[in-house]
Amino acid sequence: AAMAAILVAMAAILPWQPSCPLSKFCTVPTLKVRNRLTSNTDSNIQYSQDYYIESSIQSMDVVVETSEVTGYYAADAAAAQTKTAKGRVVSVIGAVVDVQFDEDLPPILNALRVENRTPKLILEVAQHLGENFVRTIAMDGTEGLVRGTSCIDTGYPIRIPVGPATLGRIINVVGDPIDERGPVNTDKYLSIHAEAPDFVDMSVTQEVLETGIKVVDLLAPYAKGGKIGLFGGAGVGKTVLIMELINNVAKAHGGYSVFAGVGERTREGNDLYHEMITSKVISLTDDTSKVSLVYGQMNEPPGARARVALTGLTVAEYFRDVEGQDVLLFIDNIFRFTQAGSEVSALLGRIPSAVGYQPTLATDMGTMQERITTTKKGSITSVQAIYVPADDLTDPAPATTFAHLDATTVLSRGIAELGIYPAVDPLDSNSRILDPYVVGEEHYTVARNVQKILQNYKSLQDIIAILGMDELSEEDKLTVARARKIQWFLSQPFQVAEVFTGSEGKYVPLKESISGFQKIMSGELDHLPEVAFYMVGGIEEVVAKAEKLAEEQS
C-alpha cells in the first residue's frame, strides 16, 4: 500500500510522456502512427532518436496522422523497443541466419546489419525462437559469414531512399545503388513494409489506358490505376510485351515510372537500362529522368527476391502519396516473388501447402497487391508479368494472383505456334472494364462480336479437321474466313522487336482498332486475302499490303 501511494504521488508530479507508440497499440487500438518518413519536418509527428512522440497529445483516443504519407506499419513504432542492440551470429544455414541477443530482442521485420562486412549484409528478422534467439533471412549472399560475427539492430525495418533522387538510378532490395554512379543523394527514406491505404482514401473512377496494341485495347482494355497481369509460360513473350508497354505507355506518359525486376534475367535488366538511356527516358547528365529501376535478379538469394517487389512498390508509393503523381509500376516477374517466398518458407521450416508453396501464399500476395491502388492523391497503374508453370493456369501461384487483377492478358503457346505475335489468347483474356458504361457501346459491341466469331470458329475446327471445309454450310464458311482474318489481324509488329524481325513497329490508336475489326465483320474486306492481315498496324495497311501482293502476282 505504501509503495502504491508513492507511485501515485510520483505520477501526479512527473509530466506524462509516452515511451513508445507500440506500447499503446495493445491498450488503445485507435492510436495509429502513420508517418513512415524519417525526415518529415512539416508533419505533426517527429521521431526523436528514441522514437518518442514529440507532439502534444491530450487524449489517448486521438488518431495521430501526418499530412504527407498515409502508409504506416507497426514495426516502425516497434523499433522503439530497441536502441541499436547488438547480437552475434550463432548459426548460418544458407540464407537463414540465427542471431542471439543478450537483451532488447529486435521486433519481427526489423533489419539487422552485419558488422565489418563488405559489401553490406542486411538480415531481416523473421521469427523469434525463444531464449533471446531470432531467425533472420539474409538479403545478400552469406558466403564467408561465420559464427560469432557481430550484428547491430538498426531499430527499424529495411528502409530505402525514395523521391526524385531515385529517378534514373538502379537500386537493390535494401536501397543501395548498383549502377556505379555514386550514392543516391536524398534525405527521404521509407520502410518497405506498409499497410494498404484505407478504403475511404481510395478512388473509384474508371478510365481506359490506351496501349496502342490492338488485341489488348479491343478485347481486354487496361484501366488507369488498375492492376494488369500478363500470364504466360516460358518463351511466349511476356517480357517482350511488357517492354512494348513500357515503350508505348511509359515514354508517352507524363508522370514517373518504376520498373521492378524480380528474379528475372540480369541481361534483360541491363538491356532495358541501356534502351532507356538511348531513348532519353533516363538521362545521365541532368535531372530529366522519368523512371526508377529496382533490381533483384535471379542470381540473388531468396530473401532479396522475396522483398524486391516491395522495394519497387515503396518507391512508387512515395510518388503517389507525396508527389501526387500517376505512377506506372512494371513488375517482371510476380511468380518469382511467390517462388522466393516459397524458398524462404521452406528454409524457415514451415509446412508447405498445395504443390509445395508456402502456407502463407494468399496472405503474402494480398499484402503486396492491396498496396497497389489508386487513392485521391494519385494512382499506381501496375503491369505485372506472371510466369505460368507448365502452362497450367490452375497452379496455385498464378491462380492466387488472378483474384487481385483488373485485367488479365493470357499468352498462349498454341497461338505462338501459329506465328501470331503478340500471342494473346483473345478468348482467355478479359478485363473488368470491358463494359459499355466504361468503354462505350460501340467498343463493347465490336469486342463481343469479335469474341463470338472466334468462339464459333474454335467450335468448328474439329469438324474441319475431320470432314474438311467442304462439308460446312455457306454461313459457316463465311464465319471461318472472317475469323481467320480477325485472327491474323490481331497480330502486330512491335517497336521493341524491330531489331529481331526487321519490321517497323506499329502503334495503333484505339479508334482505328475498333473501326478495323468492324470492317472485317461487316464483310467490307471479304475480297482481300488472309495474308494481307498478318503483321500490320491499321486497316489501311491491310489494303495497301493486299494491293502490293496483287501487283506482285500479276
Protein backbone atom coordinates (compact mmCIF):
# COMPACT_ATOMS: atom_id res chain seq x y z
CA ALA A 1 0.00 0.00 0.00
CA ALA A 2 2.85 2.39 0.85
CA MET A 3 4.55 1.61 -2.45
CA ALA A 4 1.30 2.21 -4.33
CA ALA A 5 0.88 5.58 -2.63
CA ILE A 6 4.44 6.58 -3.61
CA LEU A 7 3.80 5.59 -7.25
CA VAL A 8 0.56 7.59 -7.38
CA ALA A 9 2.34 10.64 -5.95
CA MET A 10 5.16 10.30 -8.49
CA ALA A 11 2.65 10.01 -11.36
CA ALA A 12 0.99 13.24 -10.22
CA ILE A 13 4.30 15.12 -10.09
CA LEU A 14 6.07 13.82 -13.22
CA PRO A 15 4.86 15.03 -16.67
CA TRP A 16 3.34 12.27 -18.76
CA GLN A 17 5.27 11.25 -21.88
CA PRO A 18 4.68 8.08 -23.85
CA SER A 19 7.79 5.98 -24.01
CA CYS A 20 6.90 4.10 -27.15
CA PRO A 21 3.98 4.25 -29.60
CA LEU A 22 3.79 0.46 -29.78
CA SER A 23 3.05 0.11 -26.07
CA LYS A 24 -0.22 1.94 -26.67
CA PHE A 25 -1.29 -0.32 -29.55
CA CYS A 26 -2.25 -3.08 -27.12
CA THR A 27 -4.49 -1.00 -24.89
CA VAL A 28 -5.69 1.79 -27.16
CA PRO A 29 -6.20 0.44 -30.68
CA THR A 30 -7.22 3.84 -32.06
CA LEU A 31 -3.69 5.26 -31.80
CA LYS A 32 -2.05 4.80 -35.21
CA VAL A 33 1.38 6.09 -36.09
CA ARG A 34 1.03 6.91 -39.77
CA ASN A 35 4.34 8.59 -40.53
CA ARG A 36 6.93 6.41 -42.25
CA LEU A 37 9.25 9.24 -43.31
CA THR A 38 12.35 9.71 -41.20
CA SER A 39 12.85 13.34 -42.17
CA ASN A 40 9.42 14.89 -42.02
CA THR A 41 9.56 18.40 -40.68
CA ASP A 42 6.11 19.51 -41.82
CA SER A 43 4.07 16.86 -40.05
CA ASN A 44 2.68 16.93 -36.55
CA ILE A 45 4.78 13.90 -35.54
CA GLN A 46 8.54 13.78 -35.37
CA TYR A 47 10.50 10.80 -34.15
CA SER A 48 13.46 11.58 -31.93
CA GLN A 49 16.30 9.09 -31.61
CA ASP A 50 14.27 7.15 -29.06
CA TYR A 51 11.08 7.34 -31.17
CA TYR A 52 9.09 9.41 -28.67
CA ILE A 53 6.01 11.11 -30.00
CA GLU A 54 7.03 14.74 -29.69
CA SER A 55 3.68 16.36 -30.40
CA SER A 56 1.39 17.17 -27.50
CA ILE A 57 -1.30 14.50 -27.28
CA GLN A 58 -4.01 15.41 -24.82
CA SER A 59 -6.06 12.23 -25.07
CA MET A 60 -5.16 8.63 -25.74
CA ASP A 61 -8.18 8.33 -28.06
CA VAL A 62 -6.68 10.68 -30.67
CA VAL A 63 -5.75 9.15 -34.04
CA VAL A 64 -2.42 10.71 -34.92
CA GLU A 65 -1.84 11.32 -38.63
CA THR A 66 0.64 13.23 -40.78
CA SER A 67 -0.11 15.34 -43.79
CA GLU A 68 2.21 13.55 -46.17
CA VAL A 69 2.34 9.77 -46.08
CA THR A 70 -0.70 7.67 -45.29
CA GLY A 71 1.00 4.25 -45.19
CA TYR A 72 2.18 3.02 -41.83
CA TYR A 73 3.49 -0.11 -40.25
CA ALA A 74 3.57 -1.16 -36.62
CA ALA A 75 7.17 -2.33 -36.89
CA ASP A 76 8.28 1.30 -37.24
CA ALA A 77 6.84 2.01 -33.81
CA ALA A 78 8.03 -1.34 -32.51
CA ALA A 79 11.57 -0.23 -33.23
CA ALA A 80 11.26 1.99 -30.15
CA GLN A 81 11.85 -1.07 -28.01
CA THR A 82 15.44 -1.44 -29.19
CA LYS A 83 18.29 1.06 -29.10
CA THR A 84 20.80 -0.38 -31.60
CA ALA A 85 21.01 -3.63 -29.65
CA LYS A 86 23.99 -5.85 -30.51
CA GLY A 87 23.79 -9.55 -31.20
CA ARG A 88 26.04 -12.28 -32.56
CA VAL A 89 25.59 -14.90 -35.26
CA VAL A 90 25.13 -18.39 -33.83
CA SER A 91 24.05 -20.34 -36.92
CA VAL A 92 24.28 -19.94 -40.72
CA ILE A 93 22.25 -22.31 -42.91
CA GLY A 94 22.25 -20.89 -46.43
CA ALA A 95 20.11 -17.75 -46.49
CA VAL A 96 18.88 -18.34 -42.91
CA VAL A 97 20.95 -16.81 -40.11
CA ASP A 98 20.21 -17.24 -36.39
CA VAL A 99 21.31 -14.36 -34.15
CA GLN A 100 21.46 -14.25 -30.34
CA PHE A 101 20.81 -11.05 -28.36
CA ASP A 102 21.59 -10.68 -24.68
CA GLU A 103 18.80 -8.12 -24.27
CA ASP A 104 16.44 -5.90 -26.30
CA LEU A 105 15.22 -8.52 -28.77
CA PRO A 106 14.51 -6.85 -32.16
CA PRO A 107 10.86 -6.96 -33.34
CA ILE A 108 9.72 -9.05 -36.32
CA LEU A 109 10.70 -7.45 -39.69
CA ASN A 110 13.45 -5.30 -38.15
CA ALA A 111 16.65 -5.02 -40.18
CA LEU A 112 19.95 -6.16 -38.66
CA ARG A 113 23.28 -5.03 -40.10
CA VAL A 114 26.23 -7.41 -40.01
CA GLU A 115 29.34 -5.55 -38.81
CA ASN A 116 32.70 -5.43 -40.59
CA ARG A 117 31.40 -6.94 -43.81
CA THR A 118 31.80 -5.62 -47.35
CA PRO A 119 29.54 -5.46 -49.28
CA LYS A 120 26.90 -4.58 -46.69
CA LEU A 121 24.79 -7.51 -45.47
CA ILE A 122 21.31 -6.87 -44.08
CA LEU A 123 19.32 -9.53 -42.22
CA GLU A 124 15.55 -9.28 -41.73
CA VAL A 125 14.06 -10.75 -38.56
CA ALA A 126 11.54 -13.45 -39.48
CA GLN A 127 10.99 -15.46 -36.28
CA HIS A 128 11.61 -15.31 -32.53
CA LEU A 129 12.88 -18.72 -31.43
CA GLY A 130 12.94 -18.08 -27.68
CA GLU A 131 15.94 -17.82 -25.33
CA ASN A 132 16.87 -14.47 -26.97
CA PHE A 133 17.40 -16.10 -30.39
CA VAL A 134 15.97 -14.64 -33.61
CA ARG A 135 15.89 -16.31 -37.02
CA THR A 136 16.62 -13.96 -39.90
CA ILE A 137 16.63 -14.03 -43.69
CA ALA A 138 19.71 -12.64 -45.45
CA MET A 139 19.20 -10.02 -48.17
CA ASP A 140 22.52 -10.93 -49.81
CA GLY A 141 24.87 -13.88 -50.00
CA THR A 142 26.12 -15.36 -46.72
CA GLU A 143 29.40 -16.70 -48.15
CA GLY A 144 32.19 -16.21 -45.62
CA LEU A 145 29.84 -15.40 -42.73
CA VAL A 146 30.95 -17.18 -39.53
CA ARG A 147 29.52 -17.80 -36.08
CA GLY A 148 30.34 -15.10 -33.59
CA THR A 149 30.10 -12.24 -36.10
CA SER A 150 28.52 -9.13 -34.53
CA CYS A 151 25.17 -7.79 -35.74
CA ILE A 152 23.54 -4.47 -34.90
CA ASP A 153 19.79 -3.94 -34.77
CA THR A 154 19.14 -0.86 -36.92
CA GLY A 155 15.99 -0.14 -34.91
CA TYR A 156 13.61 -0.19 -37.89
CA PRO A 157 12.62 -2.34 -40.90
CA ILE A 158 14.54 -2.16 -44.19
CA ARG A 159 14.44 1.44 -45.35
CA ILE A 160 15.21 2.66 -48.84
CA PRO A 161 15.79 6.06 -50.47
CA VAL A 162 12.71 7.48 -52.19
CA GLY A 163 11.79 10.58 -54.14
CA PRO A 164 13.13 12.31 -57.26
CA ALA A 165 16.73 11.33 -56.38
CA THR A 166 15.91 7.71 -57.34
CA LEU A 167 14.88 8.66 -60.90
CA GLY A 168 17.37 7.38 -63.44
CA ARG A 169 19.07 5.19 -60.83
CA ILE A 170 19.19 1.43 -60.23
CA ILE A 171 18.86 0.33 -56.61
CA ASN A 172 18.75 -3.09 -55.00
CA VAL A 173 16.42 -4.54 -52.37
CA VAL A 174 17.98 -2.58 -49.49
CA GLY A 175 18.15 0.69 -51.43
CA ASP A 176 21.86 0.65 -52.30
CA PRO A 177 22.70 1.94 -55.81
CA ILE A 178 24.09 -0.73 -58.15
CA ASP A 179 24.63 1.41 -61.27
CA GLU A 180 28.16 2.56 -60.29
CA ARG A 181 27.09 6.21 -60.28
CA GLY A 182 27.67 7.03 -56.63
CA PRO A 183 25.22 7.27 -53.71
CA VAL A 184 21.56 8.28 -54.03
CA ASN A 185 21.57 11.83 -52.66
CA THR A 186 18.39 12.16 -50.62
CA ASP A 187 17.32 12.52 -47.01
CA LYS A 188 13.97 10.80 -47.62
CA TYR A 189 13.76 7.14 -46.59
CA LEU A 190 10.76 4.82 -46.27
CA SER A 191 10.24 1.38 -44.80
CA ILE A 192 9.47 -1.23 -47.46
CA HIS A 193 6.73 -2.64 -45.20
CA ALA A 194 3.49 -0.66 -45.11
CA GLU A 195 -0.22 -1.20 -44.88
CA ALA A 196 -2.61 -0.59 -47.75
CA PRO A 197 -4.44 2.75 -47.95
CA ASP A 198 -7.72 2.94 -46.07
CA PHE A 199 -10.86 2.19 -48.05
CA VAL A 200 -12.11 5.77 -47.64
CA ASP A 201 -8.91 7.10 -49.25
CA MET A 202 -9.32 5.06 -52.44
CA SER A 203 -10.60 6.45 -55.74
CA VAL A 204 -13.11 4.53 -57.85
CA THR A 205 -13.00 6.49 -61.12
CA GLN A 206 -12.51 4.30 -64.20
CA GLU A 207 -10.72 5.36 -67.37
CA VAL A 208 -9.24 3.34 -70.25
CA LEU A 209 -5.45 3.31 -70.62
CA GLU A 210 -4.62 3.16 -74.34
CA THR A 211 -1.62 0.94 -75.13
CA GLY A 212 -1.54 1.01 -78.95
CA ILE A 213 -1.69 -2.81 -79.02
CA LYS A 214 -4.81 -3.90 -80.94
CA VAL A 215 -5.66 -7.14 -79.16
CA VAL A 216 -5.21 -5.57 -75.73
CA ASP A 217 -7.08 -2.33 -76.37
CA LEU A 218 -10.04 -4.06 -78.03
CA LEU A 219 -10.61 -7.27 -76.06
CA ALA A 220 -9.02 -6.75 -72.62
CA PRO A 221 -8.57 -2.98 -72.13
CA TYR A 222 -6.43 -1.73 -69.28
CA ALA A 223 -7.71 0.70 -66.64
CA LYS A 224 -5.74 3.70 -65.43
CA GLY A 225 -4.84 2.99 -61.83
CA GLY A 226 -5.64 -0.70 -62.28
CA LYS A 227 -3.69 -3.93 -61.85
CA ILE A 228 -2.86 -5.77 -65.06
CA GLY A 229 -1.47 -9.30 -65.30
CA LEU A 230 0.39 -10.78 -68.28
CA PHE A 231 0.11 -14.56 -67.90
CA GLY A 232 2.16 -17.00 -69.93
CA GLY A 233 4.50 -19.97 -69.87
CA ALA A 234 8.18 -19.91 -70.76
CA GLY A 235 9.07 -18.25 -74.05
CA VAL A 236 5.66 -16.99 -75.20
CA GLY A 237 6.51 -13.29 -75.00
CA LYS A 238 5.69 -11.86 -71.55
CA THR A 239 8.85 -9.79 -71.27
CA VAL A 240 8.63 -8.55 -74.88
CA LEU A 241 5.02 -7.47 -74.26
CA ILE A 242 5.94 -5.66 -71.03
CA MET A 243 8.83 -3.93 -72.86
CA GLU A 244 6.42 -2.79 -75.60
CA LEU A 245 4.05 -1.45 -72.95
CA ILE A 246 6.96 0.46 -71.40
CA ASN A 247 7.80 1.79 -74.87
CA ASN A 248 4.21 2.79 -75.76
CA VAL A 249 2.84 3.89 -72.40
CA ALA A 250 5.73 4.93 -70.16
CA LYS A 251 7.53 7.02 -72.78
CA ALA A 252 4.36 8.95 -73.67
CA HIS A 253 3.34 9.11 -70.01
CA GLY A 254 3.86 12.49 -68.37
CA GLY A 255 4.46 11.14 -64.85
CA TYR A 256 7.00 8.80 -63.34
CA SER A 257 7.50 5.08 -63.89
CA VAL A 258 9.06 2.40 -61.69
CA PHE A 259 10.39 -0.91 -63.03
CA ALA A 260 10.94 -3.74 -60.55
CA GLY A 261 12.95 -6.68 -61.86
CA VAL A 262 12.02 -9.57 -59.57
CA GLY A 263 14.04 -12.74 -60.11
CA GLU A 264 14.42 -12.40 -63.87
CA ARG A 265 17.46 -12.37 -66.16
CA THR A 266 20.19 -9.82 -65.42
CA ARG A 267 20.81 -9.44 -69.18
CA GLU A 268 17.23 -8.24 -69.72
CA GLY A 269 17.58 -5.68 -66.94
CA ASN A 270 20.85 -4.43 -68.42
CA ASP A 271 19.32 -4.20 -71.91
CA LEU A 272 16.33 -2.26 -70.56
CA TYR A 273 18.60 0.22 -68.76
CA HIS A 274 20.61 0.97 -71.90
CA GLU A 275 17.49 1.18 -74.09
CA MET A 276 16.05 3.76 -71.70
CA ILE A 277 19.27 5.78 -71.85
CA THR A 278 19.16 5.66 -75.67
CA SER A 279 15.52 6.78 -75.75
CA LYS A 280 16.22 9.62 -73.25
CA VAL A 281 13.81 8.20 -70.62
CA ILE A 282 16.91 8.05 -68.40
CA SER A 283 19.36 10.94 -68.58
CA LEU A 284 22.89 10.54 -67.20
CA THR A 285 23.67 14.27 -67.43
CA ASP A 286 20.71 16.10 -65.86
CA ASP A 287 17.58 15.62 -63.71
CA THR A 288 15.11 14.85 -66.52
CA SER A 289 14.91 11.07 -65.93
CA LYS A 290 11.38 9.68 -65.66
CA VAL A 291 11.94 6.15 -64.37
CA SER A 292 13.38 4.40 -61.31
CA LEU A 293 14.77 0.88 -61.62
CA VAL A 294 14.80 -1.65 -58.77
CA TYR A 295 16.56 -4.94 -59.46
CA GLY A 296 16.73 -8.21 -57.56
CA GLN A 297 17.58 -10.65 -60.32
CA MET A 298 17.55 -14.44 -60.39
CA ASN A 299 21.11 -14.76 -59.04
CA GLU A 300 20.07 -13.07 -55.78
CA PRO A 301 19.28 -15.04 -52.58
CA PRO A 302 15.59 -15.82 -51.91
CA GLY A 303 15.36 -13.12 -49.23
CA ALA A 304 16.18 -10.40 -51.75
CA ARG A 305 13.82 -11.78 -54.40
CA ALA A 306 11.01 -12.02 -51.85
CA ARG A 307 11.40 -8.35 -50.86
CA VAL A 308 12.49 -6.51 -54.01
CA ALA A 309 8.89 -6.19 -55.26
CA LEU A 310 8.09 -4.34 -52.02
CA THR A 311 11.10 -2.07 -52.58
CA GLY A 312 9.85 -1.10 -56.05
CA LEU A 313 6.33 -0.62 -54.72
CA THR A 314 7.60 1.66 -51.93
CA VAL A 315 9.33 3.91 -54.48
CA ALA A 316 6.05 4.11 -56.44
CA GLU A 317 4.02 4.76 -53.26
CA TYR A 318 6.11 7.81 -52.43
CA PHE A 319 5.47 9.35 -55.86
CA ARG A 320 1.74 8.62 -55.45
CA ASP A 321 1.24 9.76 -51.85
CA VAL A 322 3.68 12.64 -51.50
CA GLU A 323 4.22 13.92 -55.05
CA GLY A 324 0.58 13.26 -56.06
CA GLN A 325 1.70 11.55 -59.28
CA ASP A 326 0.03 8.98 -61.51
CA VAL A 327 2.72 6.29 -61.44
CA LEU A 328 3.30 3.34 -63.75
CA LEU A 329 4.70 0.28 -61.94
CA PHE A 330 6.10 -2.56 -64.05
CA ILE A 331 6.94 -5.81 -62.27
CA ASP A 332 8.71 -8.67 -64.04
CA ASN A 333 8.02 -11.31 -62.66
CA ILE A 334 5.43 -11.76 -59.90
CA PHE A 335 5.82 -15.56 -59.97
CA ARG A 336 9.44 -15.15 -58.83
CA PHE A 337 8.15 -13.20 -55.83
CA THR A 338 5.96 -16.18 -54.93
CA GLN A 339 8.75 -18.64 -55.72
CA ALA A 340 11.18 -16.79 -53.43
CA GLY A 341 8.53 -16.73 -50.69
CA SER A 342 8.24 -20.50 -51.08
CA GLU A 343 12.02 -20.92 -50.69
CA VAL A 344 12.10 -18.69 -47.61
CA SER A 345 9.13 -20.54 -46.11
CA ALA A 346 10.88 -23.89 -46.56
CA LEU A 347 14.09 -22.53 -45.02
CA LEU A 348 12.08 -21.33 -42.01
CA GLY A 349 10.66 -24.82 -41.56
CA ARG A 350 7.01 -24.10 -42.34
CA ILE A 351 4.85 -26.99 -43.53
CA PRO A 352 4.20 -26.47 -47.27
CA SER A 353 0.69 -26.32 -48.73
CA ALA A 354 -0.52 -27.38 -52.20
CA VAL A 355 2.20 -28.09 -54.83
CA GLY A 356 4.89 -27.18 -52.28
CA TYR A 357 4.01 -23.48 -51.98
CA GLN A 358 4.19 -21.62 -48.69
CA PRO A 359 1.11 -21.86 -46.43
CA THR A 360 1.00 -18.03 -46.38
CA LEU A 361 0.77 -17.71 -50.20
CA ALA A 362 -2.57 -15.86 -50.25
CA THR A 363 -1.53 -13.58 -47.38
CA ASP A 364 1.83 -12.68 -48.95
CA MET A 365 0.19 -11.91 -52.29
CA GLY A 366 -2.69 -9.95 -50.77
CA THR A 367 -0.40 -7.85 -48.55
CA MET A 368 1.51 -6.64 -51.59
CA GLN A 369 -1.32 -6.35 -54.14
CA GLU A 370 -3.59 -4.32 -51.86
CA ARG A 371 -0.94 -1.60 -51.65
CA ILE A 372 -1.11 -1.19 -55.44
CA THR A 373 -4.16 1.03 -55.76
CA THR A 374 -5.50 4.44 -56.71
CA THR A 375 -6.06 7.00 -53.98
CA LYS A 376 -7.46 10.51 -54.00
CA LYS A 377 -3.87 11.83 -54.12
CA GLY A 378 -2.60 9.82 -57.08
CA SER A 379 -2.61 6.42 -58.74
CA ILE A 380 -0.39 3.41 -59.34
CA THR A 381 -1.10 1.58 -62.59
CA SER A 382 0.61 -1.79 -62.31
CA VAL A 383 1.60 -4.11 -65.16
CA GLN A 384 2.79 -7.47 -63.85
CA ALA A 385 4.29 -10.32 -65.84
CA ILE A 386 3.29 -13.66 -64.32
CA TYR A 387 5.03 -16.89 -65.31
CA VAL A 388 2.67 -19.87 -65.54
CA PRO A 389 4.44 -23.11 -64.53
CA ALA A 390 3.96 -25.84 -67.15
CA ASP A 391 1.30 -23.64 -68.84
CA ASP A 392 -1.10 -24.58 -66.03
CA LEU A 393 -3.30 -21.60 -65.11
CA THR A 394 -4.72 -23.59 -62.18
CA ASP A 395 -1.31 -23.69 -60.45
CA PRO A 396 -1.71 -22.00 -57.03
CA ALA A 397 0.75 -19.18 -57.82
CA PRO A 398 -0.99 -17.71 -60.92
CA ALA A 399 -4.43 -18.72 -59.61
CA THR A 400 -3.90 -16.70 -56.41
CA THR A 401 -2.84 -13.68 -58.47
CA PHE A 402 -5.98 -13.75 -60.68
CA ALA A 403 -8.23 -12.55 -57.86
CA HIS A 404 -6.33 -9.26 -57.45
CA LEU A 405 -6.26 -8.14 -61.09
CA ASP A 406 -8.49 -5.77 -63.05
CA ALA A 407 -7.37 -7.11 -66.44
CA THR A 408 -5.70 -10.37 -67.44
CA THR A 409 -3.81 -10.84 -70.69
CA VAL A 410 -3.19 -14.56 -71.24
CA LEU A 411 -0.42 -15.52 -73.66
CA SER A 412 -0.98 -18.86 -75.38
CA ARG A 413 1.64 -21.28 -76.66
CA GLY A 414 -0.84 -22.53 -79.28
CA ILE A 415 -1.19 -19.04 -80.76
CA ALA A 416 2.58 -18.51 -80.64
CA GLU A 417 2.99 -21.75 -82.62
CA LEU A 418 0.82 -20.22 -85.37
CA GLY A 419 3.31 -17.37 -85.61
CA ILE A 420 0.82 -14.80 -84.32
CA TYR A 421 2.52 -12.24 -82.07
CA PRO A 422 1.69 -10.93 -79.53
CA ALA A 423 0.46 -14.44 -78.70
CA VAL A 424 -2.52 -13.15 -76.70
CA ASP A 425 -5.44 -15.56 -76.33
CA PRO A 426 -8.49 -13.43 -77.24
CA LEU A 427 -10.91 -15.81 -75.51
CA ASP A 428 -8.99 -16.39 -72.26
CA SER A 429 -8.04 -12.73 -71.74
CA ASN A 430 -10.54 -10.46 -70.03
CA SER A 431 -10.97 -7.10 -68.37
CA ARG A 432 -13.24 -5.77 -65.67
CA ILE A 433 -13.73 -2.51 -67.55
CA LEU A 434 -14.94 -4.12 -70.79
CA ASP A 435 -18.33 -2.64 -70.02
CA PRO A 436 -20.48 -0.37 -72.21
CA TYR A 437 -20.68 2.18 -69.39
CA VAL A 438 -16.87 2.49 -69.33
CA VAL A 439 -15.58 1.82 -72.85
CA GLY A 440 -18.69 2.86 -74.77
CA GLU A 441 -21.38 0.91 -76.62
CA GLU A 442 -19.52 0.68 -79.96
CA HIS A 443 -16.29 -0.65 -78.44
CA TYR A 444 -18.17 -3.18 -76.29
CA THR A 445 -20.30 -4.45 -79.20
CA VAL A 446 -17.33 -4.86 -81.57
CA ALA A 447 -15.27 -6.66 -78.90
CA ARG A 448 -18.05 -9.11 -78.06
CA ASN A 449 -18.77 -9.80 -81.75
CA VAL A 450 -15.08 -10.50 -82.38
CA GLN A 451 -15.04 -12.96 -79.47
CA LYS A 452 -18.25 -14.57 -80.74
CA ILE A 453 -16.83 -15.17 -84.23
CA LEU A 454 -13.58 -16.57 -82.79
CA GLN A 455 -15.53 -18.86 -80.45
CA ASN A 456 -17.66 -20.13 -83.35
CA TYR A 457 -14.50 -20.77 -85.37
CA LYS A 458 -12.99 -22.68 -82.46
CA SER A 459 -16.07 -24.91 -82.21
CA LEU A 460 -15.93 -25.60 -85.98
CA GLN A 461 -12.25 -26.60 -86.01
CA ASP A 462 -12.94 -30.22 -85.03
CA ILE A 463 -15.43 -30.58 -87.90
CA ILE A 464 -12.94 -29.03 -90.33
CA ALA A 465 -10.16 -31.36 -89.12
CA ILE A 466 -12.30 -34.47 -89.64
CA LEU A 467 -14.53 -33.66 -92.63
CA GLY A 468 -12.87 -30.67 -94.26
CA MET A 469 -14.15 -27.20 -95.20
CA ASP A 470 -16.39 -28.52 -97.99
CA GLU A 471 -18.82 -30.05 -95.50
CA LEU A 472 -19.57 -26.69 -93.87
CA SER A 473 -22.60 -24.57 -94.72
CA GLU A 474 -22.07 -21.31 -96.61
CA GLU A 475 -22.71 -19.35 -93.43
CA ASP A 476 -20.10 -21.36 -91.52
CA LYS A 477 -17.59 -20.96 -94.36
CA LEU A 478 -18.04 -17.18 -94.13
CA THR A 479 -17.60 -17.33 -90.34
CA VAL A 480 -14.35 -19.28 -90.73
CA ALA A 481 -13.00 -16.91 -93.39
CA ARG A 482 -13.70 -13.81 -91.30
CA ALA A 483 -12.45 -15.44 -88.09
CA ARG A 484 -9.13 -16.30 -89.74
CA LYS A 485 -8.76 -12.71 -90.95
CA ILE A 486 -9.53 -11.43 -87.45
CA GLN A 487 -7.00 -13.89 -86.02
CA TRP A 488 -4.28 -12.66 -88.37
CA PHE A 489 -5.26 -9.01 -87.82
CA LEU A 490 -4.76 -9.46 -84.06
CA SER A 491 -1.03 -9.82 -84.80
CA GLN A 492 1.09 -6.68 -84.71
CA PRO A 493 4.79 -5.80 -85.18
CA PHE A 494 6.36 -4.40 -82.01
CA GLN A 495 8.79 -1.50 -81.87
CA VAL A 496 10.97 -3.25 -79.28
CA ALA A 497 11.25 -6.30 -81.59
CA GLU A 498 12.37 -4.34 -84.68
CA VAL A 499 15.98 -5.48 -84.26
CA PHE A 500 14.86 -9.14 -84.39
CA THR A 501 12.09 -9.04 -87.01
CA GLY A 502 13.29 -6.29 -89.34
CA SER A 503 9.70 -5.00 -89.43
CA GLU A 504 8.83 -1.49 -88.32
CA GLY A 505 6.84 -1.45 -85.07
CA LYS A 506 3.30 -0.07 -85.14
CA TYR A 507 1.24 1.89 -82.61
CA VAL A 508 -2.48 1.59 -83.42
CA PRO A 509 -4.88 4.10 -81.79
CA LEU A 510 -7.98 2.57 -80.18
CA LYS A 511 -10.43 4.18 -82.65
CA GLU A 512 -8.54 2.68 -85.60
CA SER A 513 -8.58 -0.76 -83.97
CA ILE A 514 -12.36 -0.62 -83.43
CA SER A 515 -13.12 0.56 -86.99
CA GLY A 516 -10.75 -2.03 -88.48
CA PHE A 517 -12.39 -5.01 -86.78
CA GLN A 518 -15.82 -3.55 -87.55
CA LYS A 519 -14.99 -3.54 -91.29
CA ILE A 520 -13.80 -7.16 -91.19
CA MET A 521 -17.02 -8.33 -89.51
CA SER A 522 -19.28 -6.29 -91.81
CA GLY A 523 -17.86 -8.04 -94.88
CA GLU A 524 -16.24 -4.97 -96.45
CA LEU A 525 -12.88 -6.75 -96.66
CA ASP A 526 -14.05 -10.24 -97.65
CA HIS A 527 -12.34 -9.86 -101.04
CA LEU A 528 -8.86 -9.37 -99.54
CA PRO A 529 -6.51 -12.35 -98.98
CA GLU A 530 -5.83 -13.57 -95.44
CA VAL A 531 -2.09 -12.96 -95.66
CA ALA A 532 -2.70 -9.21 -96.08
CA PHE A 533 -3.97 -9.06 -92.49
CA TYR A 534 -0.79 -10.54 -90.98
CA MET A 535 1.65 -8.37 -89.00
CA VAL A 536 0.26 -4.95 -89.91
CA GLY A 537 -0.95 -1.91 -87.97
CA GLY A 538 -4.23 -0.27 -89.02
CA ILE A 539 -6.71 -1.42 -91.66
CA GLU A 540 -5.25 1.00 -94.27
CA GLU A 541 -2.04 -1.03 -94.17
CA VAL A 542 -4.06 -4.18 -94.89
CA VAL A 543 -5.48 -2.63 -98.06
CA ALA A 544 -2.05 -1.36 -99.13
CA LYS A 545 -0.46 -4.77 -98.49
CA ALA A 546 -3.22 -6.53 -100.48
CA GLU A 547 -2.66 -4.20 -103.44
CA LYS A 548 1.07 -4.82 -103.29
CA LEU A 549 0.52 -8.60 -103.23
CA ALA A 550 -1.83 -8.34 -106.23
CA GLU A 551 0.81 -6.39 -108.18
CA GLU A 552 3.48 -8.97 -107.36
CA GLN A 553 1.25 -11.85 -108.50
CA SER A 554 0.29 -10.08 -111.72
